[in-house]
C-alpha atoms as a PDB file:
ATOM      1  CA  MET A   1       0.000   0.000   0.000  1.00  0.00           C
ATOM      2  CA  ILE A   2       1.158   3.547  -0.770  1.00  0.00           C
ATOM      3  CA  PHE A   3      -0.136   6.115   1.714  1.00  0.00           C
ATOM      4  CA  LEU A   4      -0.278   9.643   0.267  1.00  0.00           C
ATOM      5  CA  PRO A   5      -2.492  12.640   1.010  1.00  0.00           C
ATOM      6  CA  ARG A   6      -4.965  13.532  -1.703  1.00  0.00           C
ATOM      7  CA  GLY A   7      -4.147  16.805  -3.405  1.00  0.00           C
ATOM      8  CA  ASN A   8      -6.543  19.091  -5.264  1.00  0.00           C
ATOM      9  CA  PRO A   9      -8.731  16.612  -7.230  1.00  0.00           C
ATOM     10  CA  VAL A  10      -8.743  16.920 -11.034  1.00  0.00           C
ATOM     11  CA  ARG A  11     -10.443  13.609 -11.925  1.00  0.00           C
ATOM     12  CA  GLN A  12     -11.678  10.984  -9.496  1.00  0.00           C
ATOM     13  CA  LYS A  13     -12.824   7.366  -9.681  1.00  0.00           C
ATOM     14  CA  VAL A  14     -11.996   6.986 -13.374  1.00  0.00           C
ATOM     15  CA  ASN A  15     -11.875   3.543 -14.963  1.00  0.00           C
ATOM     16  CA  PRO A  16      -8.534   3.660 -16.847  1.00  0.00           C
ATOM     17  CA  ALA A  17      -9.569   0.657 -18.964  1.00  0.00           C
ATOM     18  CA  ARG A  18     -11.867   3.033 -20.859  1.00  0.00           C
ATOM     19  CA  ILE A  19      -9.154   5.482 -21.878  1.00  0.00           C
ATOM     20  CA  ASN A  20      -5.924   5.378 -23.812  1.00  0.00           C
ATOM     21  CA  LEU A  21      -3.471   6.153 -21.028  1.00  0.00           C
ATOM     22  CA  PRO A  22      -0.502   7.257 -23.191  1.00  0.00           C
ATOM     23  CA  GLU A  23      -2.770   9.768 -24.975  1.00  0.00           C
ATOM     24  CA  ALA A  24      -4.206  11.012 -21.682  1.00  0.00           C
ATOM     25  CA  MET A  25      -0.735  11.374 -20.204  1.00  0.00           C
ATOM     26  CA  GLU A  26       0.422  13.256 -23.302  1.00  0.00           C
ATOM     27  CA  LYS A  27      -2.342  15.791 -22.638  1.00  0.00           C
ATOM     28  CA  LEU A  28      -1.017  16.231 -19.113  1.00  0.00           C
ATOM     29  CA  ARG A  29       2.440  16.723 -20.552  1.00  0.00           C
ATOM     30  CA  VAL A  30       1.298  19.363 -23.034  1.00  0.00           C
ATOM     31  CA  GLY A  31      -0.724  21.068 -20.310  1.00  0.00           C
ATOM     32  CA  THR A  32       2.378  21.241 -18.048  1.00  0.00           C
ATOM     33  CA  PHE A  33       0.513  19.347 -15.330  1.00  0.00           C
ATOM     34  CA  THR A  34       2.005  19.175 -11.843  1.00  0.00           C
ATOM     35  CA  GLY A  35       0.625  16.536  -9.513  1.00  0.00           C
ATOM     36  CA  TYR A  36       0.163  12.800  -9.384  1.00  0.00           C
ATOM     37  CA  LEU A  37      -1.918   9.979 -10.821  1.00  0.00           C
ATOM     38  CA  ARG A  38      -2.887   7.204  -8.428  1.00  0.00           C
ATOM     39  CA  PHE A  39      -4.012   3.761  -9.618  1.00  0.00           C
ATOM     40  CA  ASP A  40      -5.638   1.504  -7.014  1.00  0.00           C
ATOM     41  CA  ALA A  41      -6.102  -2.111  -8.085  1.00  0.00           C
ATOM     42  CA  SER A  42      -6.559  -5.496  -6.445  1.00  0.00           C
ATOM     43  CA  GLN A  43      -2.966  -6.333  -7.430  1.00  0.00           C
ATOM     44  CA  GLY A  44      -1.460  -3.207  -5.857  1.00  0.00           C
ATOM     45  CA  VAL A  45      -1.081   0.565  -6.072  1.00  0.00           C
ATOM     46  CA  GLY A  46       0.678   2.644  -8.725  1.00  0.00           C
ATOM     47  CA  VAL A  47       1.669   6.308  -8.607  1.00  0.00           C
ATOM     48  CA  ILE A  48       2.882   8.488 -11.492  1.00  0.00           C
ATOM     49  CA  LEU A  49       4.348  11.927 -10.717  1.00  0.00           C
ATOM     50  CA  PHE A  50       4.326  14.925 -13.062  1.00  0.00           C
ATOM     51  CA  LYS A  51       6.171  18.192 -12.581  1.00  0.00           C
ATOM     52  CA  ASP A  52       5.589  20.957 -15.117  1.00  0.00           C
ATOM     53  CA  GLY A  53       4.482  18.361 -17.665  1.00  0.00           C
ATOM     54  CA  GLN A  54       7.456  16.069 -17.122  1.00  0.00           C
ATOM     55  CA  LEU A  55       6.843  12.500 -15.933  1.00  0.00           C
ATOM     56  CA  ILE A  56       9.506  12.459 -13.224  1.00  0.00           C
ATOM     57  CA  SER A  57       8.728   9.223 -11.369  1.00  0.00           C
ATOM     58  CA  SER A  58       6.558   6.127 -11.354  1.00  0.00           C
ATOM     59  CA  ILE A  59       6.223   3.392  -8.784  1.00  0.00           C
ATOM     60  CA  PHE A  60       4.077   0.303  -8.309  1.00  0.00           C
ATOM     61  CA  LYS A  61       3.775  -1.719  -5.106  1.00  0.00           C
ATOM     62  CA  THR A  62       1.889  -4.967  -4.708  1.00  0.00           C
ATOM     63  CA  ARG A  63      -0.662  -5.213  -1.898  1.00  0.00           C
ATOM     64  CA  GLU A  64       1.609  -7.479   0.141  1.00  0.00           C
ATOM     65  CA  ALA A  65       4.607  -5.210  -0.585  1.00  0.00           C
ATOM     66  CA  SER A  66       6.423  -8.263  -1.964  1.00  0.00           C
ATOM     67  CA  GLU A  67       7.233  -6.405  -5.179  1.00  0.00           C
ATOM     68  CA  ARG A  68       8.239  -2.812  -5.835  1.00  0.00           C
ATOM     69  CA  LEU A  69       8.658  -1.593  -9.405  1.00  0.00           C
ATOM     70  CA  ILE A  70       9.910   1.792 -10.573  1.00  0.00           C
ATOM     71  CA  ALA A  71      10.276   3.747 -13.834  1.00  0.00           C
ATOM     72  CA  TYR A  72       9.199   1.908 -17.025  1.00  0.00           C
ATOM     73  CA  ASP A  73       8.650  -1.388 -15.186  1.00  0.00           C
ATOM     74  CA  ALA A  74       6.136   0.384 -12.960  1.00  0.00           C
ATOM     75  CA  ILE A  75       4.470   2.063 -15.936  1.00  0.00           C
ATOM     76  CA  ALA A  76       4.117  -1.292 -17.708  1.00  0.00           C
ATOM     77  CA  ARG A  77       2.490  -2.832 -14.625  1.00  0.00           C
ATOM     78  CA  ILE A  78       0.174   0.176 -14.242  1.00  0.00           C
ATOM     79  CA  PHE A  79      -0.835  -0.211 -17.898  1.00  0.00           C
ATOM     80  CA  GLU A  80      -1.429  -3.927 -17.277  1.00  0.00           C
ATOM     81  CA  VAL A  81      -3.779  -3.532 -14.292  1.00  0.00           C
ATOM     82  CA  SER A  82      -5.566  -0.694 -16.117  1.00  0.00           C
ATOM     83  CA  ILE A  83      -6.177  -2.722 -19.281  1.00  0.00           C
ATOM     84  CA  LEU A  84      -7.431  -5.642 -17.201  1.00  0.00           C
ATOM     85  CA  GLY A  85     -10.147  -3.353 -15.841  1.00  0.00           C
ATOM     86  CA  ASN A  86      -9.166  -3.831 -12.209  1.00  0.00           C
ATOM     87  CA  ALA A  87      -7.978  -0.294 -11.440  1.00  0.00           C
ATOM     88  CA  VAL A  88      -9.445   3.011 -10.279  1.00  0.00           C
ATOM     89  CA  LEU A  89      -7.644   6.192 -11.311  1.00  0.00           C
ATOM     90  CA  ASN A  90      -7.575   9.434  -9.323  1.00  0.00           C
ATOM     91  CA  ILE A  91      -5.681  12.535 -10.486  1.00  0.00           C
ATOM     92  CA  TYR A  92      -4.572  15.234  -8.035  1.00  0.00           C
ATOM     93  CA  ARG A  93      -3.001  18.610  -8.756  1.00  0.00           C
ATOM     94  CA  MET A  94      -0.468  20.151  -6.366  1.00  0.00           C
ATOM     95  CA  SER A  95       2.480  22.523  -6.195  1.00  0.00           C
ATOM     96  CA  ALA A  96       5.930  21.674  -7.513  1.00  0.00           C
ATOM     97  CA  ASP A  97       7.499  21.553  -4.045  1.00  0.00           C
ATOM     98  CA  LEU A  98       4.911  19.010  -2.912  1.00  0.00           C
ATOM     99  CA  VAL A  99       5.578  16.832  -5.960  1.00  0.00           C
ATOM    100  CA  LEU A 100       9.287  16.902  -5.175  1.00  0.00           C
ATOM    101  CA  GLY A 101       8.498  16.005  -1.580  1.00  0.00           C
ATOM    102  CA  ILE A 102       6.418  13.019  -2.673  1.00  0.00           C
ATOM    103  CA  HIS A 103       9.181  11.995  -5.095  1.00  0.00           C
ATOM    104  CA  ALA A 104      11.641  12.007  -2.196  1.00  0.00           C
ATOM    105  CA  LEU A 105       9.198  10.128   0.036  1.00  0.00           C
ATOM    106  CA  LEU A 106       8.500   7.356  -2.492  1.00  0.00           C
ATOM    107  CA  HIS A 107      12.229   6.730  -2.887  1.00  0.00           C
ATOM    108  CA  GLY A 108      13.138   7.293   0.770  1.00  0.00           C
ATOM    109  CA  ARG A 109      14.626   4.923   3.355  1.00  0.00           C
ATOM    110  CA  TYR A 110      12.554   3.801   6.320  1.00  0.00           C
ATOM    111  CA  LEU A 111      13.863   4.679   9.769  1.00  0.00           C
ATOM    112  CA  GLN A 112      10.574   3.851  11.487  1.00  0.00           C
ATOM    113  CA  LYS A 113       7.708   1.925   9.883  1.00  0.00           C
ATOM    114  CA  GLU A 114       4.084   1.287  10.786  1.00  0.00           C
ATOM    115  CA  LYS A 115       4.464   2.463  14.372  1.00  0.00           C
ATOM    116  CA  ASP A 116       1.248   2.616  16.377  1.00  0.00           C
ATOM    117  CA  LEU A 117       0.912   6.241  17.483  1.00  0.00           C
ATOM    118  CA  SER A 118      -0.878   5.268  20.677  1.00  0.00           C
ATOM    119  CA  CYS A 119       2.302   3.454  21.808  1.00  0.00           C
ATOM    120  CA  LEU A 120       4.900   5.863  20.426  1.00  0.00           C
ATOM    121  CA  ASP A 121       6.826   8.620  22.184  1.00  0.00           C
ATOM    122  CA  VAL A 122       6.379  11.254  19.499  1.00  0.00           C
ATOM    123  CA  ASP A 123       8.277  13.952  21.422  1.00  0.00           C
ATOM    124  CA  SER A 124      11.375  11.755  21.553  1.00  0.00           C
ATOM    125  CA  LEU A 125      11.077  11.077  17.824  1.00  0.00           C
ATOM    126  CA  LEU A 126      10.841  14.801  17.013  1.00  0.00           C
ATOM    127  CA  LYS A 127      13.843  15.434  19.284  1.00  0.00           C
ATOM    128  CA  ARG A 128      15.807  12.813  17.346  1.00  0.00           C
ATOM    129  CA  ILE A 129      14.976  14.523  14.032  1.00  0.00           C
ATOM    130  CA  ARG A 130      16.238  17.859  15.391  1.00  0.00           C
ATOM    131  CA  GLU A 131      19.360  16.558  17.109  1.00  0.00           C
ATOM    132  CA  GLU A 132      20.448  14.315  14.234  1.00  0.00           C
ATOM    133  CA  GLY A 133      19.646  16.995  11.668  1.00  0.00           C
ATOM    134  CA  LEU A 134      17.623  14.575   9.577  1.00  0.00           C
ATOM    135  CA  THR A 135      16.278  15.403   6.155  1.00  0.00           C
ATOM    136  CA  ALA A 136      13.168  13.325   6.477  1.00  0.00           C
ATOM    137  CA  CYS A 137       9.438  12.928   6.106  1.00  0.00           C
ATOM    138  CA  LEU A 138       7.018  11.997   8.854  1.00  0.00           C
ATOM    139  CA  ARG A 139       3.956  10.221   7.525  1.00  0.00           C
ATOM    140  CA  VAL A 140       0.916   9.971   9.801  1.00  0.00           C
ATOM    141  CA  TYR A 141      -1.894   7.880   8.389  1.00  0.00           C
ATOM    142  CA  THR A 142      -4.917   5.647   8.712  1.00  0.00           C
ATOM    143  CA  GLU A 143      -6.488   3.506   5.984  1.00  0.00           C
ATOM    144  CA  GLU A 144      -8.468   6.522   4.791  1.00  0.00           C
ATOM    145  CA  LYS A 145      -6.339   9.625   5.473  1.00  0.00           C
ATOM    146  CA  THR A 146      -2.679  10.631   5.333  1.00  0.00           C
ATOM    147  CA  ALA A 147      -0.644  13.698   6.335  1.00  0.00           C
ATOM    148  CA  LEU A 148       3.030  14.425   5.693  1.00  0.00           C
ATOM    149  CA  ILE A 149       5.529  16.609   7.547  1.00  0.00           C
ATOM    150  CA  PHE A 150       8.778  17.416   5.756  1.00  0.00           C
ATOM    151  CA  TYR A 151      12.079  18.233   7.481  1.00  0.00           C
ATOM    152  CA  ASP A 152      15.316  19.615   6.080  1.00  0.00           C
ATOM    153  CA  GLN A 153      18.353  18.965   8.277  1.00  0.00           C
ATOM    154  CA  GLY A 154      16.144  18.774  11.343  1.00  0.00           C
ATOM    155  CA  TYR A 155      14.043  21.869  10.613  1.00  0.00           C
ATOM    156  CA  PRO A 156      10.365  21.522   9.646  1.00  0.00           C
ATOM    157  CA  LEU A 157       9.620  22.687   6.105  1.00  0.00           C
ATOM    158  CA  GLY A 158       5.842  22.326   6.196  1.00  0.00           C
ATOM    159  CA  PHE A 159       2.782  20.122   6.225  1.00  0.00           C
ATOM    160  CA  PHE A 160       0.891  18.381   3.445  1.00  0.00           C
ATOM    161  CA  HIS A 161      -2.733  17.904   4.488  1.00  0.00           C
ATOM    162  CA  GLU A 162      -5.521  16.038   2.728  1.00  0.00           C
ATOM    163  CA  GLY A 163      -7.125  17.993  -0.114  1.00  0.00           C
ATOM    164  CA  ARG A 164      -4.473  20.744  -0.203  1.00  0.00           C
ATOM    165  CA  ALA A 165      -2.367  21.662  -3.187  1.00  0.00           C
ATOM    166  CA  ASN A 166       0.408  23.519  -1.372  1.00  0.00           C
ATOM    167  CA  LEU A 167       2.813  22.935   1.480  1.00  0.00           C
ATOM    168  CA  GLU A 168       1.312  24.507   4.615  1.00  0.00           C
ATOM    169  CA  GLN A 169       3.497  26.203   7.186  1.00  0.00           C
ATOM    170  CA  THR A 170       1.278  25.270  10.133  1.00  0.00           C
ATOM    171  CA  ALA A 171      -0.540  22.148  11.209  1.00  0.00           C
ATOM    172  CA  ASP A 172      -4.311  22.021  10.882  1.00  0.00           C
ATOM    173  CA  PRO A 173      -5.716  20.924  14.267  1.00  0.00           C
ATOM    174  CA  ASP A 174      -9.120  20.180  12.722  1.00  0.00           C
ATOM    175  CA  ALA A 175      -7.484  17.804  10.244  1.00  0.00           C
ATOM    176  CA  SER A 176      -5.352  15.954  12.787  1.00  0.00           C
ATOM    177  CA  ILE A 177      -4.991  12.317  11.788  1.00  0.00           C
ATOM    178  CA  ALA A 178      -2.903  11.442  14.833  1.00  0.00           C
ATOM    179  CA  LYS A 179      -6.049  11.505  16.986  1.00  0.00           C
ATOM    180  CA  LEU A 180      -7.898   8.967  14.829  1.00  0.00           C
ATOM    181  CA  PRO A 181      -8.219   5.333  15.976  1.00  0.00           C
ATOM    182  CA  GLY A 182      -5.551   3.074  14.489  1.00  0.00           C
ATOM    183  CA  ALA A 183      -3.318   5.944  13.351  1.00  0.00           C
ATOM    184  CA  LYS A 184       0.226   4.921  12.448  1.00  0.00           C
ATOM    185  CA  LEU A 185       3.491   6.685  11.732  1.00  0.00           C
ATOM    186  CA  ASP A 186       6.395   6.199   9.336  1.00  0.00           C
ATOM    187  CA  LEU A 187       9.670   8.074   9.413  1.00  0.00           C
ATOM    188  CA  LEU A 188      11.657   8.070   6.178  1.00  0.00           C
ATOM    189  CA  GLU A 189      15.033   9.606   5.477  1.00  0.00           C
ATOM    190  CA  VAL A 190      14.790  11.421   2.136  1.00  0.00           C
ATOM    191  CA  ARG A 191      16.880  13.473  -0.221  1.00  0.00           C
ATOM    192  CA  SER A 192      16.575  17.231  -0.182  1.00  0.00           C
ATOM    193  CA  ALA A 193      15.007  18.854  -3.232  1.00  0.00           C
ATOM    194  CA  ASP A 194      18.359  20.056  -4.621  1.00  0.00           C
ATOM    195  CA  GLU A 195      19.756  16.510  -4.449  1.00  0.00           C
ATOM    196  CA  ILE A 196      16.983  14.911  -6.494  1.00  0.00           C
ATOM    197  CA  ILE A 197      17.921  14.163 -10.081  1.00  0.00           C
ATOM    198  CA  LEU A 198      14.789  14.386 -12.189  1.00  0.00           C
ATOM    199  CA  ALA A 199      14.322  12.257 -15.270  1.00  0.00           C
ATOM    200  CA  ASP A 200      11.605  12.877 -17.844  1.00  0.00           C
ATOM    201  CA  LEU A 201      10.366   9.368 -18.561  1.00  0.00           C
ATOM    202  CA  MET A 202       8.061  10.519 -21.336  1.00  0.00           C
ATOM    203  CA  GLY A 203      10.856  12.551 -22.859  1.00  0.00           C
ATOM    204  CA  SER A 204      13.152   9.535 -22.871  1.00  0.00           C
ATOM    205  CA  ALA A 205      10.726   7.029 -24.386  1.00  0.00           C
ATOM    206  CA  ASP A 206       7.414   6.810 -26.203  1.00  0.00           C
ATOM    207  CA  LEU A 207       4.876   5.183 -23.895  1.00  0.00           C
ATOM    208  CA  GLY A 208       2.619   4.204 -26.797  1.00  0.00           C
ATOM    209  CA  PRO A 209       4.578   1.035 -27.700  1.00  0.00           C
ATOM    210  CA  ILE A 210       4.629  -0.037 -24.028  1.00  0.00           C
ATOM    211  CA  TRP A 211       0.847   0.348 -23.918  1.00  0.00           C
ATOM    212  CA  GLN A 212       0.316  -1.501 -27.207  1.00  0.00           C
ATOM    213  CA  ARG A 213       2.745  -4.298 -26.294  1.00  0.00           C
ATOM    214  CA  THR A 214       1.118  -4.767 -22.897  1.00  0.00           C
ATOM    215  CA  ARG A 215      -2.342  -4.748 -24.448  1.00  0.00           C
ATOM    216  CA  LYS A 216      -1.320  -7.289 -27.095  1.00  0.00           C
ATOM    217  CA  LEU A 217       0.189  -9.650 -24.511  1.00  0.00           C
ATOM    218  CA  LEU A 218      -2.873  -9.447 -22.296  1.00  0.00           C
ATOM    219  CA  MET A 219      -5.247 -10.026 -25.201  1.00  0.00           C
ATOM    220  CA  GLU A 220      -3.188 -13.051 -26.268  1.00  0.00           C
ATOM    221  CA  GLU A 221      -3.255 -14.434 -22.722  1.00  0.00           C
ATOM    222  CA  ARG A 222      -7.020 -13.903 -22.568  1.00  0.00           C
ATOM    223  CA  ARG A 223      -7.476 -15.702 -25.893  1.00  0.00           C
ATOM    224  CA  LYS A 224      -5.429 -18.664 -24.650  1.00  0.00           C
ATOM    225  CA  ARG A 225      -7.425 -18.839 -21.415  1.00  0.00           C
ATOM    226  CA  GLU A 226     -10.702 -18.780 -23.331  1.00  0.00           C
ATOM    227  CA  GLU A 227      -9.508 -21.498 -25.731  1.00  0.00           C
ATOM    228  CA  GLU A 228      -8.321 -23.621 -22.807  1.00  0.00           C
ATOM    229  CA  ALA A 229     -11.673 -23.134 -21.078  1.00  0.00           C
ATOM    230  CA  ILE A 230     -13.466 -24.271 -24.219  1.00  0.00           C
ATOM    231  CA  ARG A 231     -11.233 -27.344 -24.522  1.00  0.00           C
ATOM    232  CA  THR A 232     -11.785 -28.190 -20.866  1.00  0.00           C
ATOM    233  CA  GLN A 233     -15.551 -27.839 -21.248  1.00  0.00           C
ATOM    234  CA  GLU A 234     -15.521 -29.992 -24.375  1.00  0.00           C
ATOM    235  CA  GLN A 235     -13.555 -32.675 -22.516  1.00  0.00           C
ATOM    236  CA  LYS A 236     -16.025 -32.584 -19.645  1.00  0.00           C
ATOM    237  CA  GLU A 237     -18.944 -32.859 -22.054  1.00  0.00           C
ATOM    238  CA  GLY A 238     -17.225 -35.752 -23.841  1.00  0.00           C
ATOM    239  CA  HIS A 239     -16.681 -37.634 -20.593  1.00  0.00           C
ATOM    240  CA  ARG A 240     -20.259 -36.947 -19.524  1.00  0.00           C
ATOM    241  CA  ARG A 241     -21.556 -38.195 -22.855  1.00  0.00           C
ATOM    242  CA  GLU A 242     -19.528 -41.401 -22.622  1.00  0.00           C
ATOM    243  CA  ARG A 243     -20.658 -41.984 -19.038  1.00  0.00           C
ATOM    244  CA  THR A 244     -24.310 -41.363 -19.941  1.00  0.00           C
ATOM    245  CA  LEU A 245     -24.126 -43.712 -22.924  1.00  0.00           C
ATOM    246  CA  THR A 246     -22.643 -46.440 -20.729  1.00  0.00           C
ATOM    247  CA  ILE A 247     -25.435 -46.012 -18.153  1.00  0.00           C
ATOM    248  CA  PHE A 248     -28.170 -46.092 -20.816  1.00  0.00           C
ATOM    249  CA  LYS A 249     -26.725 -49.186 -22.498  1.00  0.00           C
ATOM    250  CA  THR A 250     -26.571 -51.016 -19.173  1.00  0.00           C
ATOM    251  CA  ILE A 251     -30.180 -50.104 -18.349  1.00  0.00           C
ATOM    252  CA  ALA A 252     -31.390 -51.047 -21.836  1.00  0.00           C
ATOM    253  CA  GLY A 253     -29.611 -54.400 -21.589  1.00  0.00           C
ATOM    254  CA  ASN A 254     -31.315 -55.107 -18.265  1.00  0.00           C
ATOM    255  CA  HIS A 255     -34.764 -54.267 -19.587  1.00  0.00           C
ATOM    256  CA  ILE A 256     -34.873 -55.503 -23.182  1.00  0.00           C
ATOM    257  CA  GLY A 257     -31.586 -57.287 -23.801  1.00  0.00           C
ATOM    258  CA  LYS A 258     -28.805 -56.947 -26.375  1.00  0.00           C
ATOM    259  CA  PHE A 259     -31.111 -55.490 -28.999  1.00  0.00           C
ATOM    260  CA  GLY A 260     -31.897 -52.639 -26.625  1.00  0.00           C
ATOM    261  CA  VAL A 261     -28.181 -51.866 -26.266  1.00  0.00           C
ATOM    262  CA  ASN A 262     -27.877 -51.515 -30.047  1.00  0.00           C
ATOM    263  CA  GLN A 263     -30.926 -49.249 -30.218  1.00  0.00           C
ATOM    264  CA  VAL A 264     -29.519 -46.978 -27.486  1.00  0.00           C
ATOM    265  CA  GLU A 265     -26.372 -46.503 -29.566  1.00  0.00           C
ATOM    266  CA  LYS A 266     -28.450 -45.642 -32.655  1.00  0.00           C
ATOM    267  CA  ALA A 267     -30.746 -43.229 -30.792  1.00  0.00           C
ATOM    268  CA  PHE A 268     -27.781 -41.600 -29.041  1.00  0.00           C
ATOM    269  CA  ALA A 269     -26.012 -41.000 -32.344  1.00  0.00           C
ATOM    270  CA  ALA A 270     -29.173 -39.528 -33.876  1.00  0.00           C
ATOM    271  CA  VAL A 271     -29.567 -36.651 -31.387  1.00  0.00           C
ATOM    272  CA  GLY A 272     -26.086 -35.123 -31.818  1.00  0.00           C
ATOM    273  CA  ALA A 273     -23.363 -34.271 -29.333  1.00  0.00           C
ATOM    274  CA  GLY A 274     -25.343 -32.232 -26.803  1.00  0.00           C
ATOM    275  CA  LEU A 275     -26.895 -33.568 -23.611  1.00  0.00           C
ATOM    276  CA  GLY A 276     -29.250 -30.723 -22.834  1.00  0.00           C
ATOM    277  CA  GLU A 277     -32.886 -31.209 -21.864  1.00  0.00           C
ATOM    278  CA  ASN A 278     -34.096 -30.983 -25.464  1.00  0.00           C
ATOM    279  CA  GLU A 279     -31.487 -33.441 -26.732  1.00  0.00           C
ATOM    280  CA  LEU A 280     -32.328 -35.967 -24.017  1.00  0.00           C
ATOM    281  CA  GLU A 281     -36.053 -35.766 -24.785  1.00  0.00           C
ATOM    282  CA  SER A 282     -35.261 -36.338 -28.455  1.00  0.00           C
ATOM    283  CA  PHE A 283     -33.174 -39.356 -27.450  1.00  0.00           C
ATOM    284  CA  TYR A 284     -35.996 -40.865 -25.373  1.00  0.00           C
ATOM    285  CA  GLN A 285     -38.489 -40.387 -28.212  1.00  0.00           C
ATOM    286  CA  GLU A 286     -36.120 -41.934 -30.763  1.00  0.00           C
ATOM    287  CA  LEU A 287     -35.383 -44.847 -28.429  1.00  0.00           C
ATOM    288  CA  GLN A 288     -39.105 -45.504 -27.949  1.00  0.00           C
ATOM    289  CA  LYS A 289     -39.623 -45.780 -31.703  1.00  0.00           C
ATOM    290  CA  LEU A 290     -36.687 -48.169 -32.147  1.00  0.00           C
ATOM    291  CA  ALA A 291     -37.496 -50.291 -29.078  1.00  0.00           C
ATOM    292  CA  ARG A 292     -41.092 -50.943 -30.185  1.00  0.00           C
ATOM    293  CA  LEU A 293     -39.664 -53.474 -32.652  1.00  0.00           C
ATOM    294  CA  VAL A 294     -38.890 -55.894 -29.811  1.00  0.00           C
ATOM    295  CA  ALA A 295     -40.655 -54.738 -26.639  1.00  0.00           C
ATOM    296  CA  GLY A 296     -44.025 -53.626 -25.384  1.00  0.00           C
ATOM    297  CA  GLN A 297     -44.792 -50.125 -24.185  1.00  0.00           C
ATOM    298  CA  SER A 298     -44.746 -51.043 -20.480  1.00  0.00           C
ATOM    299  CA  LYS A 299     -41.179 -52.364 -20.725  1.00  0.00           C
ATOM    300  CA  ILE A 300     -40.074 -49.366 -22.778  1.00  0.00           C
ATOM    301  CA  SER A 301     -41.647 -46.905 -20.312  1.00  0.00           C
ATOM    302  CA  ALA A 302     -40.016 -48.664 -17.360  1.00  0.00           C
ATOM    303  CA  MET A 303     -36.666 -48.599 -19.136  1.00  0.00           C
ATOM    304  CA  ILE A 304     -36.879 -44.873 -19.915  1.00  0.00           C
ATOM    305  CA  ASP A 305     -38.065 -44.047 -16.370  1.00  0.00           C
ATOM    306  CA  ASP A 306     -35.063 -45.961 -15.043  1.00  0.00           C
ATOM    307  CA  MET A 307     -32.802 -43.948 -17.362  1.00  0.00           C
ATOM    308  CA  ARG A 308     -34.269 -40.649 -16.185  1.00  0.00           C
ATOM    309  CA  GLN A 309     -33.876 -41.565 -12.517  1.00  0.00           C
ATOM    310  CA  GLN A 310     -30.322 -42.806 -12.898  1.00  0.00           C
ATOM    311  CA  LEU A 311     -29.315 -39.700 -14.863  1.00  0.00           C
ATOM    312  CA  ALA A 312     -30.851 -37.475 -12.182  1.00  0.00           C
ATOM    313  CA  ARG A 313     -28.778 -39.258  -9.531  1.00  0.00           C
ATOM    314  CA  GLU A 314     -25.618 -38.843 -11.611  1.00  0.00           C
ATOM    315  CA  ASN A 315     -26.181 -35.112 -11.958  1.00  0.00           C
END
């Protein structure tokens, strides 16, 4: 899971499977967008950062945090979960300094992780940040809300609260997440803004081929799964047909002898490959006509009733 405060919302709860993501991201590039795109999916969470139209970072983390992808690997995975239709996209606008702060946070090093605030000596932690002169980010969060506090060499730079687009110089008591049940805290050592080397991932490569290649692979995998499902179903139907024929032949042999077995085979062949309700009724009618050559109606009716009952037990 990636815990980040929501910025100023631009688009929310978008299904990215319905849009061409490279084209949409190109519009953000041309419009010199600054902010981030967040993709929430069952497989994990992806974040793409823009600063002044440049795609400066991308990251994807699986739900269990067993895998962490960055750059083009992350973009490819984000495209994958989007094409599969499992993702929800939210786009937030914010200031350039906040984007740089999030960039530093996403690539930071944990000093404290998932600490329960109700059991943590926060004053001692803040004292450590000051005394050690840490360039760091404090993240306070629950499942629903997140706030960030940035420090440069031990001095607080500002606060990033939910729904804001700029770094605030003071905390918002009304928006305090630390007071919420289950609140946790992370402390990450990060690079200062002047130490961050920004790459423009869209300037270095065309994302269109990544999108098309990912889409092609997924469509091919889907086709193979569908073909395999059809083959499996056909095998099941074949086995069911063979089993049903064996049962009917045994019952016919018990009721009207060897001739009945032969007539079952003929009637079974006449109704085709299916074993639906209509096909079975056609089989029984055909068998009645053929069996009348050697047996009376009472024997035939008893035989067919036996077949119906045995088939019902099998199913």
